[in-house]
């Protein structure tokens, strides 16, 4: 059972507590869009809704992982969130028709990232809606490592602390 979002936030910083947090889609909108006067959050929310709708059409089941300032109560500018599309069945991507794949591939670029034991590798990154969102495809078996990377914090000395912040998960 999903906890209320306010229980998942650090009261002192406004960031998500470390870990993966299962939440309801509507709760994200109420907590981070409706409760804010930031117009940019509404634009991001619209992009996230389009992404979720497309993912539901193309994949029988899965979940989105969402991280960044969008899913925090941090004051100041709201950066684009990092979002991972994680199908429950990784073979679902291999059975896409050309038209289904084309719906996403026009926004595709490669990004060199290091994810835990996966080592340095190129991951497919989607930049739909003129870069409003950064979206990664992720195999279910890599979801935990990706969540740790998505929750990383870079300290002032340049070192990264992996998994310091949480990510929200929305399942369909």
N, C-alpha and C. Protein backbone atom coordinates (compact mmCIF):
# COMPACT_ATOMS: atom_id res chain seq x y z
N UNK A 1 0.85 -1.19 0.00
CA UNK A 1 0.00 0.00 0.00
C UNK A 1 0.88 1.24 0.00
N UNK A 2 0.54 2.20 -0.82
CA UNK A 2 1.31 3.42 -0.96
C UNK A 2 1.12 4.33 0.25
N UNK A 3 2.23 4.92 0.70
CA UNK A 3 2.18 5.90 1.78
C UNK A 3 1.80 7.26 1.21
N UNK A 4 1.22 8.15 2.04
CA UNK A 4 0.97 9.51 1.55
C UNK A 4 2.30 10.18 1.19
N UNK A 5 2.30 11.01 0.17
CA UNK A 5 3.54 11.63 -0.28
C UNK A 5 4.23 12.46 0.78
N UNK A 6 3.47 13.15 1.63
CA UNK A 6 4.13 13.97 2.65
C UNK A 6 4.95 13.12 3.62
N UNK A 7 4.62 11.84 3.78
CA UNK A 7 5.39 10.95 4.64
C UNK A 7 6.69 10.49 3.96
N UNK A 8 6.81 10.71 2.66
CA UNK A 8 7.98 10.29 1.90
C UNK A 8 9.00 11.40 1.72
N UNK A 9 8.66 12.60 2.19
CA UNK A 9 9.54 13.76 2.02
C UNK A 9 10.27 14.08 3.31
N UNK A 10 11.54 14.43 3.17
CA UNK A 10 12.32 14.90 4.31
C UNK A 10 11.81 16.29 4.67
N UNK A 11 11.29 16.45 5.88
CA UNK A 11 10.71 17.73 6.30
C UNK A 11 11.70 18.88 6.29
N UNK A 12 12.98 18.60 6.47
CA UNK A 12 13.99 19.66 6.49
C UNK A 12 14.44 20.12 5.13
N UNK A 13 14.49 19.18 4.17
CA UNK A 13 15.03 19.53 2.85
C UNK A 13 13.98 19.57 1.75
N UNK A 14 12.88 18.84 1.91
CA UNK A 14 11.87 18.77 0.87
C UNK A 14 12.16 17.72 -0.18
N UNK A 15 13.29 17.00 -0.06
CA UNK A 15 13.64 15.94 -1.01
C UNK A 15 12.98 14.64 -0.59
N UNK A 16 12.79 13.74 -1.55
CA UNK A 16 12.28 12.41 -1.25
C UNK A 16 13.29 11.65 -0.39
N UNK A 17 12.78 10.90 0.58
CA UNK A 17 13.65 10.04 1.37
C UNK A 17 14.23 8.96 0.46
N UNK A 18 15.42 8.44 0.77
CA UNK A 18 16.03 7.42 -0.09
C UNK A 18 15.12 6.22 -0.29
N UNK A 19 15.22 5.62 -1.47
CA UNK A 19 14.47 4.42 -1.77
C UNK A 19 13.51 4.62 -2.94
N UNK A 20 12.85 3.53 -3.27
CA UNK A 20 11.84 3.53 -4.32
C UNK A 20 10.48 3.56 -3.64
N UNK A 21 9.64 4.53 -4.04
CA UNK A 21 8.37 4.75 -3.37
C UNK A 21 7.22 4.59 -4.35
N UNK A 22 6.38 3.60 -4.10
CA UNK A 22 5.20 3.34 -4.92
C UNK A 22 4.12 4.36 -4.56
N UNK A 23 3.66 5.12 -5.56
CA UNK A 23 2.65 6.15 -5.32
C UNK A 23 1.58 6.09 -6.40
N UNK A 24 0.49 6.75 -6.14
CA UNK A 24 -0.59 6.88 -7.12
C UNK A 24 -0.32 8.10 -7.99
N UNK A 25 -0.64 7.99 -9.27
CA UNK A 25 -0.42 9.06 -10.24
C UNK A 25 -1.08 10.37 -9.79
N UNK A 26 -2.31 10.28 -9.37
CA UNK A 26 -3.05 11.48 -8.98
C UNK A 26 -2.40 12.19 -7.79
N UNK A 27 -1.78 11.43 -6.89
CA UNK A 27 -1.11 12.04 -5.73
C UNK A 27 0.08 12.89 -6.15
N UNK A 28 0.77 12.49 -7.20
CA UNK A 28 1.89 13.30 -7.70
C UNK A 28 1.37 14.65 -8.17
N UNK A 29 0.29 14.63 -8.95
CA UNK A 29 -0.29 15.88 -9.45
C UNK A 29 -0.75 16.78 -8.33
N UNK A 30 -1.42 16.22 -7.34
CA UNK A 30 -1.91 17.03 -6.21
C UNK A 30 -0.76 17.63 -5.41
N UNK A 31 0.27 16.83 -5.14
CA UNK A 31 1.35 17.26 -4.26
C UNK A 31 2.36 18.19 -4.91
N UNK A 32 2.66 17.96 -6.17
CA UNK A 32 3.76 18.71 -6.78
C UNK A 32 3.34 19.68 -7.88
N UNK A 33 2.08 19.61 -8.32
CA UNK A 33 1.61 20.53 -9.36
C UNK A 33 0.52 21.42 -8.80
N UNK A 34 -0.58 20.82 -8.33
CA UNK A 34 -1.70 21.61 -7.82
C UNK A 34 -1.31 22.47 -6.63
N UNK A 35 -0.40 21.96 -5.79
CA UNK A 35 0.00 22.69 -4.58
C UNK A 35 1.07 23.74 -4.86
N UNK A 36 1.45 23.93 -6.11
CA UNK A 36 2.51 24.87 -6.46
C UNK A 36 1.97 25.94 -7.41
N UNK A 37 2.58 27.11 -7.35
CA UNK A 37 2.20 28.18 -8.29
C UNK A 37 3.18 28.24 -9.47
N UNK A 38 4.12 27.31 -9.53
CA UNK A 38 5.13 27.27 -10.59
C UNK A 38 4.51 26.76 -11.89
N UNK A 39 4.36 27.61 -12.89
CA UNK A 39 3.78 27.26 -14.18
C UNK A 39 4.56 26.15 -14.88
N UNK A 40 5.87 26.14 -14.68
CA UNK A 40 6.72 25.14 -15.31
C UNK A 40 6.36 23.73 -14.83
N UNK A 41 5.95 23.60 -13.58
CA UNK A 41 5.53 22.28 -13.06
C UNK A 41 4.32 21.77 -13.84
N UNK A 42 3.41 22.66 -14.19
CA UNK A 42 2.24 22.26 -14.98
C UNK A 42 2.63 21.77 -16.37
N UNK A 43 3.62 22.42 -16.99
CA UNK A 43 4.10 21.99 -18.29
C UNK A 43 4.74 20.61 -18.20
N UNK A 44 5.55 20.41 -17.18
CA UNK A 44 6.20 19.12 -16.98
C UNK A 44 5.14 18.05 -16.74
N UNK A 45 4.14 18.37 -15.92
CA UNK A 45 3.07 17.42 -15.62
C UNK A 45 2.35 17.00 -16.91
N UNK A 46 2.10 17.95 -17.79
CA UNK A 46 1.47 17.63 -19.07
C UNK A 46 2.33 16.66 -19.88
N UNK A 47 3.64 16.90 -19.90
CA UNK A 47 4.55 16.00 -20.60
C UNK A 47 4.58 14.61 -19.99
N UNK A 48 4.57 14.56 -18.66
CA UNK A 48 4.55 13.26 -17.97
C UNK A 48 3.27 12.50 -18.28
N UNK A 49 2.16 13.22 -18.36
CA UNK A 49 0.88 12.57 -18.67
C UNK A 49 0.91 11.98 -20.08
N UNK A 50 1.44 12.74 -21.04
CA UNK A 50 1.56 12.23 -22.41
C UNK A 50 2.46 11.00 -22.45
N UNK A 51 3.56 11.04 -21.72
CA UNK A 51 4.47 9.90 -21.68
C UNK A 51 3.78 8.67 -21.09
N UNK A 52 3.09 8.84 -19.97
CA UNK A 52 2.40 7.72 -19.34
C UNK A 52 1.35 7.14 -20.28
N UNK A 53 0.59 7.99 -20.93
CA UNK A 53 -0.44 7.52 -21.85
C UNK A 53 0.19 6.71 -22.99
N UNK A 54 1.30 7.20 -23.55
CA UNK A 54 1.97 6.49 -24.64
C UNK A 54 2.55 5.16 -24.15
N UNK A 55 3.14 5.16 -22.96
CA UNK A 55 3.72 3.93 -22.42
C UNK A 55 2.63 2.88 -22.20
N UNK A 56 1.48 3.31 -21.71
CA UNK A 56 0.36 2.37 -21.50
C UNK A 56 -0.12 1.76 -22.81
N UNK A 57 -0.11 2.55 -23.88
CA UNK A 57 -0.53 2.04 -25.18
C UNK A 57 0.47 1.05 -25.76
N UNK A 58 1.76 1.29 -25.51
CA UNK A 58 2.80 0.50 -26.14
C UNK A 58 3.26 -0.69 -25.31
N UNK A 59 3.06 -0.65 -24.01
CA UNK A 59 3.54 -1.71 -23.13
C UNK A 59 2.38 -2.24 -22.30
N UNK A 60 2.21 -3.55 -22.23
CA UNK A 60 1.08 -4.11 -21.49
C UNK A 60 1.10 -3.74 -20.00
N UNK A 61 2.27 -3.72 -19.40
CA UNK A 61 2.37 -3.34 -17.99
C UNK A 61 3.79 -2.90 -17.70
N UNK A 62 3.93 -2.11 -16.66
CA UNK A 62 5.23 -1.62 -16.26
C UNK A 62 5.06 -0.50 -15.27
N UNK A 63 6.12 0.29 -15.13
CA UNK A 63 6.04 1.44 -14.23
C UNK A 63 7.00 2.52 -14.68
N UNK A 64 6.70 3.75 -14.25
CA UNK A 64 7.59 4.89 -14.43
C UNK A 64 8.31 5.13 -13.12
N UNK A 65 9.59 5.45 -13.19
CA UNK A 65 10.32 5.95 -12.03
C UNK A 65 10.62 7.41 -12.32
N UNK A 66 10.37 8.28 -11.33
CA UNK A 66 10.51 9.73 -11.52
C UNK A 66 11.37 10.28 -10.40
N UNK A 67 12.37 11.11 -10.77
CA UNK A 67 13.23 11.74 -9.75
C UNK A 67 13.53 13.18 -10.14
N UNK A 68 14.10 13.90 -9.21
CA UNK A 68 14.53 15.27 -9.46
C UNK A 68 13.75 16.28 -8.65
N UNK A 69 13.98 17.56 -8.96
CA UNK A 69 13.33 18.62 -8.19
C UNK A 69 11.82 18.64 -8.41
N UNK A 70 11.35 18.08 -9.52
CA UNK A 70 9.91 18.04 -9.76
C UNK A 70 9.19 17.28 -8.66
N UNK A 71 9.79 16.22 -8.15
CA UNK A 71 9.16 15.42 -7.09
C UNK A 71 9.77 15.77 -5.74
N UNK A 72 9.93 17.06 -5.52
CA UNK A 72 10.39 17.58 -4.24
C UNK A 72 9.62 18.87 -3.95
N UNK A 73 9.78 19.35 -2.75
CA UNK A 73 9.19 20.65 -2.41
C UNK A 73 10.29 21.70 -2.31
N UNK A 74 11.36 21.50 -3.05
CA UNK A 74 12.47 22.44 -3.08
C UNK A 74 12.02 23.79 -3.63
N UNK A 75 12.42 24.87 -3.00
CA UNK A 75 12.12 26.18 -3.59
C UNK A 75 13.05 26.41 -4.78
N UNK A 76 12.71 27.34 -5.61
CA UNK A 76 13.59 27.66 -6.72
C UNK A 76 13.18 26.95 -7.99
N UNK A 77 14.04 27.00 -8.99
CA UNK A 77 13.65 26.46 -10.29
C UNK A 77 13.42 24.95 -10.23
N UNK A 78 12.42 24.53 -10.95
CA UNK A 78 12.09 23.12 -11.06
C UNK A 78 12.72 22.60 -12.35
N UNK A 79 13.74 21.77 -12.22
CA UNK A 79 14.41 21.20 -13.38
C UNK A 79 13.57 20.07 -13.96
N UNK A 80 13.85 19.73 -15.21
CA UNK A 80 13.14 18.61 -15.81
C UNK A 80 13.45 17.34 -15.01
N UNK A 81 12.47 16.52 -14.81
CA UNK A 81 12.71 15.28 -14.07
C UNK A 81 13.41 14.25 -14.95
N UNK A 82 14.08 13.32 -14.29
CA UNK A 82 14.56 12.14 -14.99
C UNK A 82 13.52 11.06 -14.78
N UNK A 83 13.13 10.42 -15.86
CA UNK A 83 12.06 9.43 -15.83
C UNK A 83 12.56 8.16 -16.49
N UNK A 84 12.27 7.02 -15.88
CA UNK A 84 12.59 5.73 -16.50
C UNK A 84 11.30 4.99 -16.80
N UNK A 85 11.21 4.45 -18.01
CA UNK A 85 10.11 3.58 -18.40
C UNK A 85 10.61 2.16 -18.21
N UNK A 86 9.94 1.40 -17.32
CA UNK A 86 10.38 0.05 -16.99
C UNK A 86 9.25 -0.93 -17.28
N UNK A 87 9.32 -1.66 -18.39
CA UNK A 87 8.28 -2.65 -18.65
C UNK A 87 8.46 -3.86 -17.73
N UNK A 88 7.35 -4.46 -17.31
CA UNK A 88 7.45 -5.67 -16.50
C UNK A 88 8.04 -6.82 -17.30
N UNK A 89 7.79 -6.83 -18.61
CA UNK A 89 8.31 -7.87 -19.49
C UNK A 89 9.22 -7.19 -20.51
N UNK A 90 10.52 -7.41 -20.39
CA UNK A 90 11.46 -6.72 -21.28
C UNK A 90 11.29 -7.10 -22.74
N UNK A 91 10.68 -8.24 -23.02
CA UNK A 91 10.48 -8.61 -24.42
C UNK A 91 9.40 -7.76 -25.08
N UNK A 92 8.65 -6.98 -24.29
CA UNK A 92 7.59 -6.14 -24.86
C UNK A 92 8.16 -5.15 -25.86
N UNK A 93 9.38 -4.66 -25.64
CA UNK A 93 9.97 -3.69 -26.56
C UNK A 93 10.35 -4.34 -27.88
N UNK A 94 10.63 -5.63 -27.87
CA UNK A 94 11.07 -6.29 -29.10
C UNK A 94 9.90 -6.61 -30.02
N UNK A 95 8.68 -6.53 -29.54
CA UNK A 95 7.53 -6.85 -30.39
C UNK A 95 6.81 -5.59 -30.89
N UNK A 96 7.42 -4.42 -30.68
CA UNK A 96 6.83 -3.20 -31.21
C UNK A 96 6.82 -3.24 -32.72
N UNK A 97 5.77 -2.69 -33.28
CA UNK A 97 5.76 -2.50 -34.73
C UNK A 97 6.65 -1.30 -35.05
N UNK A 98 6.98 -1.13 -36.33
CA UNK A 98 7.80 0.02 -36.73
C UNK A 98 7.14 1.33 -36.34
N UNK A 99 5.83 1.40 -36.49
CA UNK A 99 5.11 2.64 -36.16
C UNK A 99 5.17 2.92 -34.67
N UNK A 100 5.05 1.88 -33.85
CA UNK A 100 5.12 2.08 -32.40
C UNK A 100 6.51 2.56 -31.99
N UNK A 101 7.53 1.93 -32.55
CA UNK A 101 8.89 2.33 -32.20
C UNK A 101 9.18 3.76 -32.65
N UNK A 102 8.65 4.12 -33.80
CA UNK A 102 8.89 5.45 -34.34
C UNK A 102 8.29 6.55 -33.46
N UNK A 103 7.25 6.22 -32.70
CA UNK A 103 6.64 7.21 -31.81
C UNK A 103 7.65 7.74 -30.81
N UNK A 104 8.63 6.93 -30.44
CA UNK A 104 9.64 7.37 -29.49
C UNK A 104 10.99 7.64 -30.14
N UNK A 105 11.36 6.90 -31.16
CA UNK A 105 12.73 6.95 -31.65
C UNK A 105 13.12 8.29 -32.25
N UNK A 106 12.19 9.09 -32.67
CA UNK A 106 12.53 10.41 -33.19
C UNK A 106 13.13 11.32 -32.13
N UNK A 107 12.93 10.99 -30.89
CA UNK A 107 13.45 11.79 -29.80
C UNK A 107 14.69 11.16 -29.17
N UNK A 108 15.17 10.07 -29.75
CA UNK A 108 16.20 9.26 -29.12
C UNK A 108 17.60 9.83 -29.32
N UNK A 109 18.38 9.80 -28.26
CA UNK A 109 19.81 10.07 -28.34
C UNK A 109 20.49 9.08 -27.42
N UNK A 110 21.80 9.04 -27.45
CA UNK A 110 22.53 8.15 -26.56
C UNK A 110 23.26 8.99 -25.54
N UNK A 111 23.31 8.51 -24.32
CA UNK A 111 23.91 9.25 -23.23
C UNK A 111 24.84 8.28 -22.50
N UNK A 112 26.08 8.67 -22.31
CA UNK A 112 27.05 7.81 -21.64
C UNK A 112 26.85 7.94 -20.14
N UNK A 113 26.40 6.89 -19.51
CA UNK A 113 26.18 6.91 -18.06
C UNK A 113 26.83 5.69 -17.43
N UNK A 114 27.12 5.81 -16.16
CA UNK A 114 27.64 4.69 -15.40
C UNK A 114 26.58 4.35 -14.37
N UNK A 115 26.12 3.11 -14.39
CA UNK A 115 25.11 2.68 -13.45
C UNK A 115 25.65 1.48 -12.69
N UNK A 116 26.16 1.72 -11.51
CA UNK A 116 26.61 0.65 -10.63
C UNK A 116 27.43 -0.40 -11.35
N UNK A 117 27.06 -1.65 -11.16
CA UNK A 117 27.83 -2.75 -11.73
C UNK A 117 27.67 -2.86 -13.23
N UNK A 118 26.76 -2.08 -13.81
CA UNK A 118 26.61 -2.12 -15.26
C UNK A 118 27.81 -1.50 -15.95
N UNK A 119 28.56 -0.66 -15.21
CA UNK A 119 29.72 -0.01 -15.78
C UNK A 119 29.33 1.05 -16.78
N UNK A 120 30.34 1.68 -17.40
CA UNK A 120 30.03 2.72 -18.38
C UNK A 120 29.34 2.10 -19.59
N UNK A 121 28.28 2.71 -20.00
CA UNK A 121 27.57 2.19 -21.16
C UNK A 121 26.71 3.31 -21.75
N UNK A 122 26.31 3.10 -22.97
CA UNK A 122 25.40 4.04 -23.59
C UNK A 122 23.98 3.56 -23.34
N UNK A 123 23.16 4.45 -22.86
CA UNK A 123 21.76 4.12 -22.62
C UNK A 123 20.91 4.95 -23.56
N UNK A 124 19.84 4.37 -24.06
CA UNK A 124 18.95 5.18 -24.90
C UNK A 124 18.22 6.21 -24.05
N UNK A 125 18.32 7.46 -24.42
CA UNK A 125 17.67 8.55 -23.71
C UNK A 125 16.67 9.19 -24.67
N UNK A 126 15.48 9.43 -24.18
CA UNK A 126 14.47 10.10 -24.98
C UNK A 126 14.34 11.55 -24.52
N UNK A 127 14.19 12.44 -25.44
CA UNK A 127 13.98 13.85 -25.12
C UNK A 127 12.69 14.31 -25.79
N UNK A 128 11.54 13.79 -25.34
CA UNK A 128 10.28 14.21 -25.97
C UNK A 128 9.93 15.63 -25.57
N UNK A 129 9.06 16.22 -26.32
CA UNK A 129 8.51 17.54 -25.99
C UNK A 129 9.61 18.58 -25.82
N UNK A 130 10.52 18.65 -26.78
CA UNK A 130 11.59 19.65 -26.81
C UNK A 130 12.45 19.63 -25.55
N UNK A 131 12.73 18.46 -25.05
CA UNK A 131 13.61 18.35 -23.89
C UNK A 131 12.95 18.59 -22.55
N UNK A 132 11.62 18.68 -22.53
CA UNK A 132 10.91 18.90 -21.27
C UNK A 132 11.13 17.76 -20.30
N UNK A 133 11.31 16.55 -20.83
CA UNK A 133 11.56 15.37 -20.01
C UNK A 133 12.82 14.68 -20.52
N UNK A 134 13.51 13.98 -19.63
CA UNK A 134 14.59 13.08 -20.03
C UNK A 134 14.13 11.70 -19.62
N UNK A 135 13.98 10.81 -20.59
CA UNK A 135 13.37 9.51 -20.33
C UNK A 135 14.33 8.40 -20.72
N UNK A 136 14.50 7.43 -19.83
CA UNK A 136 15.36 6.28 -20.09
C UNK A 136 14.51 5.03 -20.18
N UNK A 137 14.88 4.12 -21.07
CA UNK A 137 14.31 2.78 -21.06
C UNK A 137 15.13 1.97 -20.08
N UNK A 138 14.49 1.11 -19.34
CA UNK A 138 15.22 0.31 -18.36
C UNK A 138 14.64 -1.09 -18.29
N UNK A 139 15.49 -2.08 -18.35
CA UNK A 139 15.07 -3.45 -18.14
C UNK A 139 14.73 -3.62 -16.66
N UNK A 140 13.73 -4.44 -16.38
CA UNK A 140 13.29 -4.66 -15.01
C UNK A 140 14.45 -5.10 -14.11
N UNK A 141 15.36 -5.91 -14.63
CA UNK A 141 16.47 -6.40 -13.81
C UNK A 141 17.46 -5.30 -13.42
N UNK A 142 17.43 -4.16 -14.10
CA UNK A 142 18.34 -3.05 -13.80
C UNK A 142 17.66 -1.92 -13.03
N UNK A 143 16.38 -2.09 -12.70
CA UNK A 143 15.61 -0.99 -12.09
C UNK A 143 16.19 -0.53 -10.76
N UNK A 144 16.63 -1.42 -9.92
CA UNK A 144 17.18 -1.02 -8.61
C UNK A 144 18.45 -0.19 -8.79
N UNK A 145 19.34 -0.63 -9.65
CA UNK A 145 20.57 0.13 -9.89
C UNK A 145 20.26 1.49 -10.50
N UNK A 146 19.32 1.53 -11.42
CA UNK A 146 18.97 2.80 -12.03
C UNK A 146 18.34 3.75 -11.00
N UNK A 147 17.51 3.22 -10.13
CA UNK A 147 16.91 4.05 -9.08
C UNK A 147 17.99 4.65 -8.19
N UNK A 148 19.01 3.88 -7.88
CA UNK A 148 20.13 4.39 -7.07
C UNK A 148 20.82 5.54 -7.81
N UNK A 149 21.06 5.36 -9.10
CA UNK A 149 21.71 6.40 -9.90
C UNK A 149 20.82 7.64 -9.97
N UNK A 150 19.51 7.44 -10.18
CA UNK A 150 18.59 8.57 -10.28
C UNK A 150 18.53 9.36 -8.96
N UNK A 151 18.81 8.71 -7.85
CA UNK A 151 18.80 9.36 -6.55
C UNK A 151 20.16 9.86 -6.10
N UNK A 152 21.11 9.97 -7.03
CA UNK A 152 22.46 10.42 -6.69
C UNK A 152 22.50 11.91 -6.41
N UNK A 153 23.43 12.28 -5.57
CA UNK A 153 23.68 13.68 -5.23
C UNK A 153 25.16 13.95 -5.47
N UNK A 154 25.48 15.03 -6.17
CA UNK A 154 26.87 15.43 -6.37
C UNK A 154 27.23 16.46 -5.32
N UNK A 155 28.25 16.16 -4.53
CA UNK A 155 28.68 17.04 -3.46
C UNK A 155 29.56 18.15 -4.01
N UNK A 156 29.81 19.16 -3.18
CA UNK A 156 30.60 20.32 -3.63
C UNK A 156 32.01 19.94 -4.04
N UNK A 157 32.53 18.83 -3.51
CA UNK A 157 33.88 18.40 -3.89
C UNK A 157 33.89 17.55 -5.16
N UNK A 158 32.71 17.38 -5.78
CA UNK A 158 32.61 16.64 -7.03
C UNK A 158 32.32 15.16 -6.88
N UNK A 159 32.30 14.66 -5.66
CA UNK A 159 32.00 13.24 -5.48
C UNK A 159 30.49 13.01 -5.51
N UNK A 160 30.12 11.84 -5.97
CA UNK A 160 28.71 11.46 -6.03
C UNK A 160 28.36 10.56 -4.87
N UNK A 161 27.21 10.82 -4.26
CA UNK A 161 26.66 9.93 -3.25
C UNK A 161 25.43 9.28 -3.88
N UNK A 162 25.57 8.01 -4.18
CA UNK A 162 24.52 7.28 -4.89
C UNK A 162 23.39 6.93 -3.93
N UNK A 163 22.15 7.10 -4.40
CA UNK A 163 20.98 6.68 -3.64
C UNK A 163 20.62 7.56 -2.47
N UNK A 164 21.09 8.80 -2.44
CA UNK A 164 20.80 9.70 -1.32
C UNK A 164 19.37 10.22 -1.34
N UNK A 165 18.78 10.25 -2.51
CA UNK A 165 17.40 10.72 -2.65
C UNK A 165 16.55 9.61 -3.25
N UNK A 166 15.26 9.71 -3.03
CA UNK A 166 14.36 8.68 -3.50
C UNK A 166 13.82 8.94 -4.88
N UNK A 167 13.12 7.95 -5.39
CA UNK A 167 12.41 8.05 -6.67
C UNK A 167 11.00 7.57 -6.46
N UNK A 168 10.08 8.17 -7.19
CA UNK A 168 8.67 7.74 -7.15
C UNK A 168 8.44 6.73 -8.25
N UNK A 169 7.58 5.76 -7.96
CA UNK A 169 7.19 4.76 -8.96
C UNK A 169 5.69 4.79 -9.14
N UNK A 170 5.28 4.78 -10.40
CA UNK A 170 3.87 4.73 -10.75
C UNK A 170 3.69 3.53 -11.66
N UNK A 171 2.87 2.59 -11.23
CA UNK A 171 2.66 1.36 -11.98
C UNK A 171 1.37 1.44 -12.79
N UNK A 172 1.40 0.77 -13.95
CA UNK A 172 0.18 0.63 -14.74
C UNK A 172 -0.01 -0.82 -15.10
